[in-house]
Protein backbone atom coordinates (compact mmCIF):
# COMPACT_ATOMS: atom_id res chain seq x y z
CA GLN A 1 8.72 -25.45 101.72
CA VAL A 2 8.74 -21.65 102.01
CA GLN A 3 10.66 -19.32 104.18
CA LEU A 4 8.95 -16.15 105.32
CA GLN A 5 10.41 -12.77 106.54
CA GLU A 6 8.27 -9.97 107.92
CA SER A 7 9.21 -6.25 107.79
CA GLY A 8 7.65 -2.87 108.18
CA GLY A 9 6.91 -2.82 112.02
CA GLY A 10 7.70 0.08 114.24
CA LEU A 11 6.42 2.66 116.56
CA VAL A 12 3.35 4.67 115.51
CA GLN A 13 0.76 7.00 117.29
CA ALA A 14 -2.78 6.04 117.77
CA GLY A 15 -4.71 6.74 114.57
CA GLY A 16 -1.75 6.33 112.43
CA SER A 17 -0.86 3.76 109.80
CA LEU A 18 1.65 1.11 108.98
CA ARG A 19 2.13 -1.37 106.18
CA LEU A 20 3.69 -4.65 106.94
CA SER A 21 5.35 -6.77 104.26
CA CYS A 22 6.06 -10.51 104.23
CA ALA A 23 8.62 -11.80 101.76
CA GLY A 24 8.56 -15.56 100.63
CA SER A 25 11.36 -17.59 99.37
CA GLY A 26 12.39 -21.24 98.77
CA GLY A 27 9.02 -22.43 97.65
CA THR A 28 6.15 -21.78 95.27
CA PHE A 29 4.52 -18.85 96.90
CA ARG A 30 1.39 -18.72 94.85
CA ASP A 31 0.53 -22.23 96.04
CA TYR A 32 -0.09 -21.02 99.59
CA THR A 33 -2.91 -19.42 101.45
CA MET A 34 -1.30 -16.63 103.56
CA GLY A 35 -2.24 -15.30 106.94
CA TRP A 36 -1.34 -12.62 109.33
CA PHE A 37 -1.38 -13.21 113.14
CA ARG A 38 -0.33 -11.29 116.17
CA GLN A 39 0.77 -11.96 119.66
CA ALA A 40 0.67 -9.42 122.55
CA PRO A 41 2.64 -9.86 125.79
CA GLY A 42 0.94 -12.33 127.97
CA LYS A 43 -1.52 -13.24 125.45
CA GLU A 44 -2.06 -16.17 122.88
CA ARG A 45 -1.31 -15.73 119.24
CA GLU A 46 -4.37 -14.56 117.56
CA PHE A 47 -5.75 -14.38 113.84
CA VAL A 48 -5.75 -11.10 112.04
CA ALA A 49 -6.39 -11.74 108.41
CA SER A 50 -5.89 -14.41 105.76
CA ILE A 51 -6.01 -14.33 101.87
CA SER A 52 -6.32 -17.19 99.35
CA TRP A 53 -3.62 -18.14 97.00
CA GLU A 54 -5.01 -16.11 94.12
CA GLY A 55 -6.09 -13.12 96.26
CA GLY A 56 -9.89 -13.68 95.60
CA GLN A 57 -10.90 -14.46 99.06
CA THR A 58 -10.08 -12.60 102.30
CA SER A 59 -11.03 -12.98 105.96
CA TYR A 60 -10.49 -10.70 108.87
CA ALA A 61 -10.80 -10.77 112.61
CA ALA A 62 -13.72 -8.68 113.91
CA SER A 63 -11.31 -6.47 115.89
CA VAL A 64 -9.54 -5.32 112.67
CA LYS A 65 -12.26 -5.45 110.09
CA GLY A 66 -12.62 -2.10 108.32
CA ARG A 67 -9.08 -0.85 109.52
CA PHE A 68 -6.69 -3.53 108.06
CA THR A 69 -6.38 -4.68 104.53
CA ILE A 70 -4.59 -7.85 103.45
CA SER A 71 -3.24 -8.22 99.86
CA ARG A 72 -0.61 -10.20 97.98
CA ASP A 73 1.52 -10.01 94.89
CA ASN A 74 2.43 -13.55 93.67
CA ALA A 75 4.77 -12.07 91.11
CA GLU A 76 6.82 -10.53 93.94
CA ASN A 77 6.36 -13.48 96.27
CA ALA A 78 4.92 -11.08 98.94
CA VAL A 79 1.91 -10.44 101.18
CA TYR A 80 0.99 -7.19 102.75
CA LEU A 81 -0.94 -6.03 105.70
CA GLN A 82 -2.08 -2.31 105.42
CA MET A 83 -2.99 -1.15 108.98
CA ASP A 84 -4.99 2.09 109.36
CA SER A 85 -6.57 3.76 112.40
CA LEU A 86 -4.23 1.99 114.57
CA LYS A 87 -5.21 1.66 118.26
CA PRO A 88 -3.05 0.93 121.26
CA GLU A 89 -4.59 -2.53 121.61
CA ASP A 90 -3.09 -3.39 118.12
CA THR A 91 0.38 -3.52 119.92
CA ALA A 92 1.84 -6.84 119.36
CA VAL A 93 4.36 -8.90 117.36
CA TYR A 94 2.93 -9.51 113.94
CA TYR A 95 3.56 -12.88 112.16
CA CYS A 96 2.83 -13.93 108.67
CA ALA A 97 2.15 -17.67 108.00
CA ALA A 98 1.48 -20.02 105.11
CA ARG A 99 -0.64 -23.04 104.64
CA SER A 100 -1.64 -25.29 101.89
CA GLY A 101 -5.52 -25.33 101.53
CA PRO A 102 -8.29 -22.66 101.88
CA ILE A 103 -8.23 -19.59 104.11
CA HIS A 104 -8.38 -20.45 107.78
CA SER A 105 -8.31 -18.54 111.04
CA VAL A 106 -6.72 -21.17 113.33
CA THR A 107 -3.11 -20.86 114.22
CA ILE A 108 -2.31 -24.58 114.08
CA ALA A 109 -3.64 -24.78 110.46
CA TYR A 110 -0.55 -22.85 109.19
CA LYS A 111 2.66 -24.82 108.75
CA PHE A 112 5.25 -22.13 107.94
CA TRP A 113 5.87 -19.01 109.97
CA GLY A 114 8.02 -15.85 109.81
CA GLN A 115 10.02 -14.47 112.89
CA GLY A 116 7.71 -11.71 113.46
CA THR A 117 7.80 -7.83 113.48
CA GLN A 118 7.03 -5.69 116.36
CA VAL A 119 4.19 -3.13 116.09
CA THR A 120 3.81 -0.59 118.82
CA VAL A 121 0.98 1.92 118.96
CA SER A 122 1.28 4.76 121.46
CA SER A 123 -1.73 6.55 122.98
């Protein structure tokens, strides 16, 4: 199984950018589809983006499409989320997750999860 650790969160003004990273260890990283999810206070965890094991397929939530970009580097056992044109409603704890199988947007489809990193966007 794989262990995941997110980094790169922080406080940014609206319109700014952040790049989140997720480092994988303890498993064969390239075997997994990777996803990013987020959870705002008082809300359910929601899908943000996913990427297939080889990086050829990606999927985005409508709320972030055109602003966020998911990518991965299997040689580095890492997946990234470039977030541009950030909005206050993007404020949440962001989690990376891994699953065996094709890209998917449902939370319960992902077996392995990181601890999360806080992203706060001020207006």
